[in-house]
Amino acid sequence: MSRTSKFFTFSLIINLLLVGVIVGHHFKHVWQVESHSLQDFVGTLPSDTQKTLEPIMVKFSADMDNLNRQAMEQRKEAGRLLQAQPFDRNAYLTQMQHIYDLKKQISTLWAETLADIAEKLSPENREDLADFVAHHHPNPNAR
């Protein structure tokens, strides 16, 4: 292998690793921050309302943690596929589809949880929930 091709291969690997780190950080930040901010919102509600919402939040947190774990594993696999020699475009695109499917599941979980919460809130608290939702969403494309 010539010196130029070694340099090109090394440069390609470094760039792919950098892309993987950036994409992974972005997804982790967007997906994990939202579950904590919803818990923070619920924490601003009256204590009797918080108690009513506790089972919903426990389920939401467990489901979100599970989806985040799956997403981390899927992103690692996507990174591995990016580095594989030879590069398998179809395998990589299939893997990315798994990640997009997880994003859809997260968005669905978010919407269903908000609906469950809204059913338990007073009209005034639903107004606060609407303000909260206007500024928080698990889908990075919605910002």
Protein backbone atom coordinates (compact mmCIF):
# COMPACT_ATOMS: atom_id res chain seq x y z
CA MET A 1 0.00 0.00 0.00
CA SER A 2 1.46 3.33 -1.02
CA ARG A 3 2.01 6.17 1.40
CA THR A 4 -0.79 8.20 -0.22
CA SER A 5 -3.35 5.41 0.05
CA LYS A 6 -2.39 4.78 3.69
CA PHE A 7 -2.88 8.48 4.44
CA PHE A 8 -6.23 8.48 2.60
CA THR A 9 -7.43 5.40 4.50
CA PHE A 10 -6.35 6.86 7.83
CA SER A 11 -8.04 10.18 7.01
CA LEU A 12 -11.25 8.41 5.99
CA ILE A 13 -11.36 6.39 9.24
CA ILE A 14 -10.80 9.52 11.34
CA ASN A 15 -13.57 11.39 9.50
CA LEU A 16 -16.01 8.50 9.87
CA LEU A 17 -15.28 8.28 13.59
CA LEU A 18 -15.82 12.02 13.94
CA VAL A 19 -19.17 11.80 12.13
CA GLY A 20 -20.21 8.91 14.39
CA VAL A 21 -19.34 10.87 17.52
CA ILE A 22 -21.21 13.96 16.36
CA VAL A 23 -24.33 12.04 15.30
CA GLY A 24 -24.29 9.97 18.50
CA HIS A 25 -23.92 13.04 20.71
CA HIS A 26 -26.77 14.81 18.91
CA PHE A 27 -29.20 11.88 19.26
CA LYS A 28 -28.23 11.26 22.88
CA HIS A 29 -28.73 14.91 23.78
CA VAL A 30 -32.06 15.27 22.01
CA TRP A 31 -33.57 11.98 23.18
CA GLN A 32 -32.37 11.86 26.77
CA VAL A 33 -32.89 15.51 27.70
CA GLU A 34 -36.59 15.39 26.86
CA SER A 35 -37.53 12.74 29.43
CA HIS A 36 -35.87 14.76 32.18
CA SER A 37 -37.53 17.99 31.12
CA LEU A 38 -40.97 16.32 31.19
CA GLN A 39 -40.25 15.14 34.73
CA ASP A 40 -39.23 18.70 35.57
CA PHE A 41 -42.52 20.00 34.18
CA VAL A 42 -44.55 17.49 36.22
CA GLY A 43 -42.56 18.61 39.24
CA THR A 44 -44.03 22.12 38.87
CA LEU A 45 -47.60 20.82 39.23
CA PRO A 46 -49.53 20.62 42.53
CA SER A 47 -48.48 17.65 44.67
CA ASP A 48 -51.82 15.85 44.33
CA THR A 49 -51.53 16.09 40.53
CA GLN A 50 -47.95 14.83 40.70
CA LYS A 51 -49.13 11.77 42.63
CA THR A 52 -51.84 11.13 40.04
CA LEU A 53 -49.26 11.34 37.25
CA GLU A 54 -46.63 9.19 38.98
CA PRO A 55 -47.61 5.87 37.29
CA ILE A 56 -47.60 7.58 33.88
CA MET A 57 -44.16 9.08 34.52
CA VAL A 58 -42.70 5.82 35.84
CA LYS A 59 -43.81 4.01 32.69
CA PHE A 60 -42.62 6.86 30.46
CA SER A 61 -39.18 6.91 32.09
CA ALA A 62 -38.76 3.13 31.83
CA ASP A 63 -39.90 3.07 28.21
CA MET A 64 -37.70 6.05 27.29
CA ASP A 65 -34.68 4.48 29.01
CA ASN A 66 -35.27 1.28 27.03
CA LEU A 67 -35.55 3.17 23.74
CA ASN A 68 -32.42 5.21 24.55
CA ARG A 69 -30.48 2.00 25.26
CA GLN A 70 -31.64 0.52 21.96
CA ALA A 71 -30.74 3.72 20.13
CA MET A 72 -27.23 3.71 21.60
CA GLU A 73 -26.71 0.12 20.47
CA GLN A 74 -28.07 0.88 16.99
CA ARG A 75 -25.81 3.96 16.65
CA LYS A 76 -22.77 1.89 17.66
CA GLU A 77 -23.66 -0.66 15.01
CA ALA A 78 -24.08 2.08 12.41
CA GLY A 79 -20.63 3.38 13.31
CA ARG A 80 -19.17 -0.11 12.98
CA LEU A 81 -20.79 -0.46 9.55
CA LEU A 82 -19.35 2.89 8.46
CA GLN A 83 -15.87 1.63 9.28
CA ALA A 84 -16.22 -1.84 7.75
CA GLN A 85 -14.03 -2.79 4.82
CA PRO A 86 -15.48 -3.07 2.31
CA PHE A 87 -18.28 -0.60 3.06
CA ASP A 88 -21.71 -2.22 2.68
CA ARG A 89 -24.09 0.55 1.66
CA ASN A 90 -27.25 -1.57 1.98
CA ALA A 91 -26.34 -2.82 5.46
CA TYR A 92 -25.61 0.73 6.60
CA LEU A 93 -28.88 2.11 5.18
CA THR A 94 -30.80 -0.76 6.78
CA GLN A 95 -29.17 0.05 10.10
CA MET A 96 -30.07 3.72 9.74
CA GLN A 97 -33.68 2.69 9.14
CA HIS A 98 -33.63 0.95 12.53
CA ILE A 99 -32.49 4.23 14.08
CA TYR A 100 -35.26 6.17 12.30
CA ASP A 101 -37.79 3.60 13.50
CA LEU A 102 -36.60 4.19 17.07
CA LYS A 103 -37.00 7.94 16.58
CA LYS A 104 -40.59 7.30 15.49
CA GLN A 105 -41.20 5.13 18.57
CA ILE A 106 -39.81 7.91 20.77
CA SER A 107 -42.07 10.48 19.13
CA THR A 108 -45.07 8.18 19.57
CA LEU A 109 -44.20 7.55 23.22
CA TRP A 110 -43.87 11.31 23.74
CA ALA A 111 -47.28 12.03 22.15
CA GLU A 112 -49.07 9.22 24.01
CA THR A 113 -47.54 10.28 27.34
CA LEU A 114 -48.54 13.90 26.80
CA ALA A 115 -52.09 12.77 26.00
CA ASP A 116 -52.18 10.61 29.13
CA ILE A 117 -50.96 13.54 31.21
CA ALA A 118 -53.38 16.02 29.60
CA GLU A 119 -56.33 13.79 30.51
CA LYS A 120 -55.42 14.16 34.19
CA LEU A 121 -54.84 17.93 34.23
CA SER A 122 -57.08 20.87 34.94
CA PRO A 123 -57.67 23.33 32.08
CA GLU A 124 -55.14 25.71 33.66
CA ASN A 125 -52.50 23.01 33.91
CA ARG A 126 -53.20 21.93 30.32
CA GLU A 127 -52.42 25.50 29.31
CA ASP A 128 -49.06 25.16 31.07
CA LEU A 129 -48.56 21.81 29.34
CA ALA A 130 -49.24 23.43 25.97
CA ASP A 131 -46.60 26.09 26.72
CA PHE A 132 -44.16 23.35 27.73
CA VAL A 133 -44.81 21.34 24.55
CA ALA A 134 -44.22 24.43 22.40
CA HIS A 135 -40.62 24.44 23.64
CA HIS A 136 -39.84 20.71 24.04
CA HIS A 137 -40.11 17.86 21.57
CA PRO A 138 -38.08 14.67 21.13
CA ASN A 139 -37.89 15.08 17.35
CA PRO A 140 -34.78 17.13 16.45
CA ASN A 141 -36.39 18.12 13.13
CA ALA A 142 -39.26 19.82 14.99
CA ARG A 143 -37.06 22.51 16.51
